[in-house]
């Protein structure tokens, strides 16, 4: 299933207006991928259950 397919489905079937993703800090494949798709960095989150896994939250309007 492609990224474009999922985006189209979210818009058409669920009326989504934006998408959110979490990317592990330092993921040098995921971060550029999502940024190229128009996602913008929103905030950093450190999960209580695993402080070593720092999440970067990105969103974009669709």
PDB file of N, CA and C in Angstrom:
ATOM      1  N   UNK A   1       0.851  -1.169   0.000  1.00  0.00           N
ATOM      2  CA  UNK A   1       0.000   0.000   0.000  1.00  0.00           C
ATOM      3  C   UNK A   1       0.902   1.239   0.000  1.00  0.00           C
ATOM      4  N   UNK A   2       0.670   2.149  -0.904  1.00  0.00           N
ATOM      5  CA  UNK A   2       1.539   3.314  -1.036  1.00  0.00           C
ATOM      6  C   UNK A   2       1.106   4.446  -0.105  1.00  0.00           C
ATOM      7  N   UNK A   3       2.032   5.320   0.146  1.00  0.00           N
ATOM      8  CA  UNK A   3       1.776   6.506   0.965  1.00  0.00           C
ATOM      9  C   UNK A   3       0.656   7.347   0.363  1.00  0.00           C
ATOM     10  N   UNK A   4       0.680   7.512  -0.953  1.00  0.00           N
ATOM     11  CA  UNK A   4      -0.347   8.299  -1.644  1.00  0.00           C
ATOM     12  C   UNK A   4      -1.726   7.657  -1.520  1.00  0.00           C
ATOM     13  N   UNK A   5      -1.771   6.329  -1.587  1.00  0.00           N
ATOM     14  CA  UNK A   5      -3.033   5.613  -1.445  1.00  0.00           C
ATOM     15  C   UNK A   5      -3.638   5.851  -0.067  1.00  0.00           C
ATOM     16  N   UNK A   6      -2.813   5.740   0.963  1.00  0.00           N
ATOM     17  CA  UNK A   6      -3.289   5.938   2.335  1.00  0.00           C
ATOM     18  C   UNK A   6      -3.783   7.372   2.522  1.00  0.00           C
ATOM     19  N   UNK A   7      -3.061   8.337   1.983  1.00  0.00           N
ATOM     20  CA  UNK A   7      -3.473   9.735   2.094  1.00  0.00           C
ATOM     21  C   UNK A   7      -4.822   9.946   1.416  1.00  0.00           C
ATOM     22  N   UNK A   8      -4.977   9.409   0.219  1.00  0.00           N
ATOM     23  CA  UNK A   8      -6.241   9.538  -0.511  1.00  0.00           C
ATOM     24  C   UNK A   8      -7.382   8.897   0.277  1.00  0.00           C
ATOM     25  N   UNK A   9      -7.142   7.721   0.817  1.00  0.00           N
ATOM     26  CA  UNK A   9      -8.157   7.027   1.605  1.00  0.00           C
ATOM     27  C   UNK A   9      -8.546   7.843   2.843  1.00  0.00           C
ATOM     28  N   UNK A  10      -7.576   8.384   3.529  1.00  0.00           N
ATOM     29  CA  UNK A  10      -7.869   9.179   4.723  1.00  0.00           C
ATOM     30  C   UNK A  10      -8.713  10.405   4.381  1.00  0.00           C
ATOM     31  N   UNK A  11      -8.417  11.035   3.258  1.00  0.00           N
ATOM     32  CA  UNK A  11      -9.184  12.212   2.837  1.00  0.00           C
ATOM     33  C   UNK A  11     -10.601  11.847   2.422  1.00  0.00           C
ATOM     34  N   UNK A  12     -10.723  10.841   1.557  1.00  0.00           N
ATOM     35  CA  UNK A  12     -12.020  10.502   0.970  1.00  0.00           C
ATOM     36  C   UNK A  12     -12.948   9.749   1.935  1.00  0.00           C
ATOM     37  N   UNK A  13     -12.417   8.787   2.654  1.00  0.00           N
ATOM     38  CA  UNK A  13     -13.267   7.962   3.510  1.00  0.00           C
ATOM     39  C   UNK A  13     -13.479   8.536   4.903  1.00  0.00           C
ATOM     40  N   UNK A  14     -12.508   9.287   5.390  1.00  0.00           N
ATOM     41  CA  UNK A  14     -12.581   9.763   6.771  1.00  0.00           C
ATOM     42  C   UNK A  14     -12.632  11.285   6.896  1.00  0.00           C
ATOM     43  N   UNK A  15     -12.503  11.978   5.771  1.00  0.00           N
ATOM     44  CA  UNK A  15     -12.562  13.433   5.800  1.00  0.00           C
ATOM     45  C   UNK A  15     -11.385  14.081   6.505  1.00  0.00           C
ATOM     46  N   UNK A  16     -10.250  13.403   6.518  1.00  0.00           N
ATOM     47  CA  UNK A  16      -9.065  13.934   7.197  1.00  0.00           C
ATOM     48  C   UNK A  16      -8.612  15.237   6.555  1.00  0.00           C
ATOM     49  N   UNK A  17      -8.194  16.154   7.378  1.00  0.00           N
ATOM     50  CA  UNK A  17      -7.689  17.455   6.925  1.00  0.00           C
ATOM     51  C   UNK A  17      -6.191  17.594   7.165  1.00  0.00           C
ATOM     52  N   UNK A  18      -5.655  16.730   8.016  1.00  0.00           N
ATOM     53  CA  UNK A  18      -4.222  16.741   8.277  1.00  0.00           C
ATOM     54  C   UNK A  18      -3.753  15.349   8.662  1.00  0.00           C
ATOM     55  N   UNK A  19      -2.448  15.150   8.545  1.00  0.00           N
ATOM     56  CA  UNK A  19      -1.819  13.890   8.925  1.00  0.00           C
ATOM     57  C   UNK A  19      -0.719  14.187   9.935  1.00  0.00           C
ATOM     58  N   UNK A  20      -0.523  13.248  10.841  1.00  0.00           N
ATOM     59  CA  UNK A  20       0.544  13.319  11.838  1.00  0.00           C
ATOM     60  C   UNK A  20       1.376  12.052  11.758  1.00  0.00           C
ATOM     61  N   UNK A  21       2.683  12.197  11.954  1.00  0.00           N
ATOM     62  CA  UNK A  21       3.575  11.044  12.032  1.00  0.00           C
ATOM     63  C   UNK A  21       4.560  11.249  13.178  1.00  0.00           C
ATOM     64  N   UNK A  22       5.062  10.135  13.686  1.00  0.00           N
ATOM     65  CA  UNK A  22       6.142  10.143  14.675  1.00  0.00           C
ATOM     66  C   UNK A  22       7.354   9.502  14.020  1.00  0.00           C
ATOM     67  N   UNK A  23       8.500  10.115  14.213  1.00  0.00           N
ATOM     68  CA  UNK A  23       9.746   9.604  13.656  1.00  0.00           C
ATOM     69  C   UNK A  23      10.771   9.601  14.783  1.00  0.00           C
ATOM     70  N   UNK A  24      11.527   8.533  14.886  1.00  0.00           N
ATOM     71  CA  UNK A  24      12.555   8.486  15.917  1.00  0.00           C
ATOM     72  C   UNK A  24      13.626   9.524  15.611  1.00  0.00           C
ATOM     73  N   UNK A  25      14.029  10.268  16.642  1.00  0.00           N
ATOM     74  CA  UNK A  25      15.089  11.258  16.488  1.00  0.00           C
ATOM     75  C   UNK A  25      16.335  10.564  15.950  1.00  0.00           C
ATOM     76  N   UNK A  26      16.937  11.156  14.935  1.00  0.00           N
ATOM     77  CA  UNK A  26      18.125  10.569  14.324  1.00  0.00           C
ATOM     78  C   UNK A  26      17.843   9.656  13.148  1.00  0.00           C
ATOM     79  N   UNK A  27      16.576   9.416  12.829  1.00  0.00           N
ATOM     80  CA  UNK A  27      16.217   8.547  11.699  1.00  0.00           C
ATOM     81  C   UNK A  27      16.464   9.316  10.400  1.00  0.00           C
ATOM     82  N   UNK A  28      17.626   9.107   9.813  1.00  0.00           N
ATOM     83  CA  UNK A  28      18.025   9.893   8.648  1.00  0.00           C
ATOM     84  C   UNK A  28      17.460   9.368   7.332  1.00  0.00           C
ATOM     85  N   UNK A  29      16.572   8.409   7.399  1.00  0.00           N
ATOM     86  CA  UNK A  29      15.805   7.996   6.220  1.00  0.00           C
ATOM     87  C   UNK A  29      14.374   8.506   6.344  1.00  0.00           C
ATOM     88  N   UNK A  30      13.779   8.346   7.523  1.00  0.00           N
ATOM     89  CA  UNK A  30      12.392   8.745   7.733  1.00  0.00           C
ATOM     90  C   UNK A  30      12.184  10.248   7.727  1.00  0.00           C
ATOM     91  N   UNK A  31      13.055  10.984   8.398  1.00  0.00           N
ATOM     92  CA  UNK A  31      12.880  12.441   8.506  1.00  0.00           C
ATOM     93  C   UNK A  31      12.898  13.105   7.127  1.00  0.00           C
ATOM     94  N   UNK A  32      13.908  12.875   6.294  1.00  0.00           N
ATOM     95  CA  UNK A  32      13.891  13.503   4.963  1.00  0.00           C
ATOM     96  C   UNK A  32      12.708  13.053   4.101  1.00  0.00           C
ATOM     97  N   UNK A  33      12.280  11.792   4.258  1.00  0.00           N
ATOM     98  CA  UNK A  33      11.134  11.293   3.501  1.00  0.00           C
ATOM     99  C   UNK A  33       9.893  12.118   3.825  1.00  0.00           C
ATOM    100  N   UNK A  34       9.575  12.240   5.110  1.00  0.00           N
ATOM    101  CA  UNK A  34       8.373  12.978   5.500  1.00  0.00           C
ATOM    102  C   UNK A  34       8.485  14.468   5.183  1.00  0.00           C
ATOM    103  N   UNK A  35       9.656  15.046   5.363  1.00  0.00           N
ATOM    104  CA  UNK A  35       9.834  16.461   5.015  1.00  0.00           C
ATOM    105  C   UNK A  35       9.624  16.680   3.522  1.00  0.00           C
ATOM    106  N   UNK A  36      10.070  15.742   2.694  1.00  0.00           N
ATOM    107  CA  UNK A  36       9.869  15.843   1.246  1.00  0.00           C
ATOM    108  C   UNK A  36       8.389  15.742   0.880  1.00  0.00           C
ATOM    109  N   UNK A  37       7.606  15.091   1.733  1.00  0.00           N
ATOM    110  CA  UNK A  37       6.160  14.961   1.503  1.00  0.00           C
ATOM    111  C   UNK A  37       5.386  16.151   2.067  1.00  0.00           C
ATOM    112  N   UNK A  38       6.095  17.130   2.627  1.00  0.00           N
ATOM    113  CA  UNK A  38       5.435  18.336   3.117  1.00  0.00           C
ATOM    114  C   UNK A  38       5.172  18.384   4.609  1.00  0.00           C
ATOM    115  N   UNK A  39       5.637  17.395   5.345  1.00  0.00           N
ATOM    116  CA  UNK A  39       5.451  17.403   6.794  1.00  0.00           C
ATOM    117  C   UNK A  39       6.393  18.411   7.423  1.00  0.00           C
ATOM    118  N   UNK A  40       5.907  19.100   8.464  1.00  0.00           N
ATOM    119  CA  UNK A  40       6.689  20.099   9.190  1.00  0.00           C
ATOM    120  C   UNK A  40       6.848  19.644  10.641  1.00  0.00           C
ATOM    121  N   UNK A  41       8.046  19.848  11.164  1.00  0.00           N
ATOM    122  CA  UNK A  41       8.320  19.490  12.556  1.00  0.00           C
ATOM    123  C   UNK A  41       7.426  20.294  13.493  1.00  0.00           C
ATOM    124  N   UNK A  42       6.833  19.614  14.487  1.00  0.00           N
ATOM    125  CA  UNK A  42       5.960  20.275  15.456  1.00  0.00           C
ATOM    126  C   UNK A  42       6.556  20.276  16.863  1.00  0.00           C
ATOM    127  N   UNK A  43       6.978  19.113  17.337  1.00  0.00           N
ATOM    128  CA  UNK A  43       7.557  19.055  18.676  1.00  0.00           C
ATOM    129  C   UNK A  43       8.271  17.726  18.896  1.00  0.00           C
ATOM    130  N   UNK A  44       9.054  17.703  19.960  1.00  0.00           N
ATOM    131  CA  UNK A  44       9.797  16.506  20.364  1.00  0.00           C
ATOM    132  C   UNK A  44       9.121  15.936  21.602  1.00  0.00           C
ATOM    133  N   UNK A  45       9.030  14.612  21.675  1.00  0.00           N
ATOM    134  CA  UNK A  45       8.388  13.965  22.820  1.00  0.00           C
ATOM    135  C   UNK A  45       9.286  12.851  23.333  1.00  0.00           C
ATOM    136  N   UNK A  46       9.475  12.832  24.650  1.00  0.00           N
ATOM    137  CA  UNK A  46      10.258  11.781  25.283  1.00  0.00           C
ATOM    138  C   UNK A  46       9.283  10.878  26.030  1.00  0.00           C
ATOM    139  N   UNK A  47       9.069   9.661  25.540  1.00  0.00           N
ATOM    140  CA  UNK A  47       8.111   8.754  26.183  1.00  0.00           C
ATOM    141  C   UNK A  47       8.578   8.318  27.569  1.00  0.00           C
ATOM    142  N   UNK A  48       7.670   8.306  28.529  1.00  0.00           N
ATOM    143  CA  UNK A  48       8.000   7.870  29.886  1.00  0.00           C
ATOM    144  C   UNK A  48       8.458   6.421  29.915  1.00  0.00           C
ATOM    145  N   UNK A  49       7.822   5.574  29.084  1.00  0.00           N
ATOM    146  CA  UNK A  49       8.139   4.148  29.113  1.00  0.00           C
ATOM    147  C   UNK A  49       9.507   3.826  28.520  1.00  0.00           C
ATOM    148  N   UNK A  50      10.058   4.707  27.695  1.00  0.00           N
ATOM    149  CA  UNK A  50      11.375   4.475  27.097  1.00  0.00           C
ATOM    150  C   UNK A  50      12.014   5.816  26.750  1.00  0.00           C
ATOM    151  N   UNK A  51      12.639   6.471  27.727  1.00  0.00           N
ATOM    152  CA  UNK A  51      13.214   7.801  27.494  1.00  0.00           C
ATOM    153  C   UNK A  51      14.297   7.852  26.420  1.00  0.00           C
ATOM    154  N   UNK A  52      14.881   6.706  26.066  1.00  0.00           N
ATOM    155  CA  UNK A  52      15.917   6.682  25.031  1.00  0.00           C
ATOM    156  C   UNK A  52      15.317   6.831  23.630  1.00  0.00           C
ATOM    157  N   UNK A  53      14.002   6.566  23.502  1.00  0.00           N
ATOM    158  CA  UNK A  53      13.332   6.638  22.204  1.00  0.00           C
ATOM    159  C   UNK A  53      12.640   7.997  22.085  1.00  0.00           C
ATOM    160  N   UNK A  54      13.361   8.974  21.600  1.00  0.00           N
ATOM    161  CA  UNK A  54      12.820  10.328  21.462  1.00  0.00           C
ATOM    162  C   UNK A  54      12.056  10.411  20.146  1.00  0.00           C
ATOM    163  N   UNK A  55      10.797  10.789  20.242  1.00  0.00           N
ATOM    164  CA  UNK A  55       9.927  10.902  19.074  1.00  0.00           C
ATOM    165  C   UNK A  55       9.897  12.342  18.579  1.00  0.00           C
ATOM    166  N   UNK A  56      10.001  12.493  17.276  1.00  0.00           N
ATOM    167  CA  UNK A  56       9.795  13.796  16.648  1.00  0.00           C
ATOM    168  C   UNK A  56       8.427  13.734  15.983  1.00  0.00           C
ATOM    169  N   UNK A  57       7.566  14.684  16.299  1.00  0.00           N
ATOM    170  CA  UNK A  57       6.207  14.705  15.749  1.00  0.00           C
ATOM    171  C   UNK A  57       6.153  15.702  14.601  1.00  0.00           C
ATOM    172  N   UNK A  58       5.635  15.236  13.473  1.00  0.00           N
ATOM    173  CA  UNK A  58       5.492  16.045  12.265  1.00  0.00           C
ATOM    174  C   UNK A  58       4.029  16.028  11.833  1.00  0.00           C
ATOM    175  N   UNK A  59       3.597  17.108  11.186  1.00  0.00           N
ATOM    176  CA  UNK A  59       2.237  17.129  10.638  1.00  0.00           C
ATOM    177  C   UNK A  59       2.243  17.854   9.309  1.00  0.00           C
ATOM    178  N   UNK A  60       1.147  17.656   8.580  1.00  0.00           N
ATOM    179  CA  UNK A  60       0.935  18.391   7.326  1.00  0.00           C
ATOM    180  C   UNK A  60      -0.563  18.463   7.056  1.00  0.00           C
ATOM    181  N   UNK A  61      -0.967  19.516   6.387  1.00  0.00           N
ATOM    182  CA  UNK A  61      -2.340  19.661   5.934  1.00  0.00           C
ATOM    183  C   UNK A  61      -2.499  18.838   4.662  1.00  0.00           C
ATOM    184  N   UNK A  62      -3.692  18.219   4.525  1.00  0.00           N
ATOM    185  CA  UNK A  62      -3.952  17.444   3.294  1.00  0.00           C
ATOM    186  C   UNK A  62      -5.267  17.885   2.676  1.00  0.00           C
TER     187      UNK A  62
END
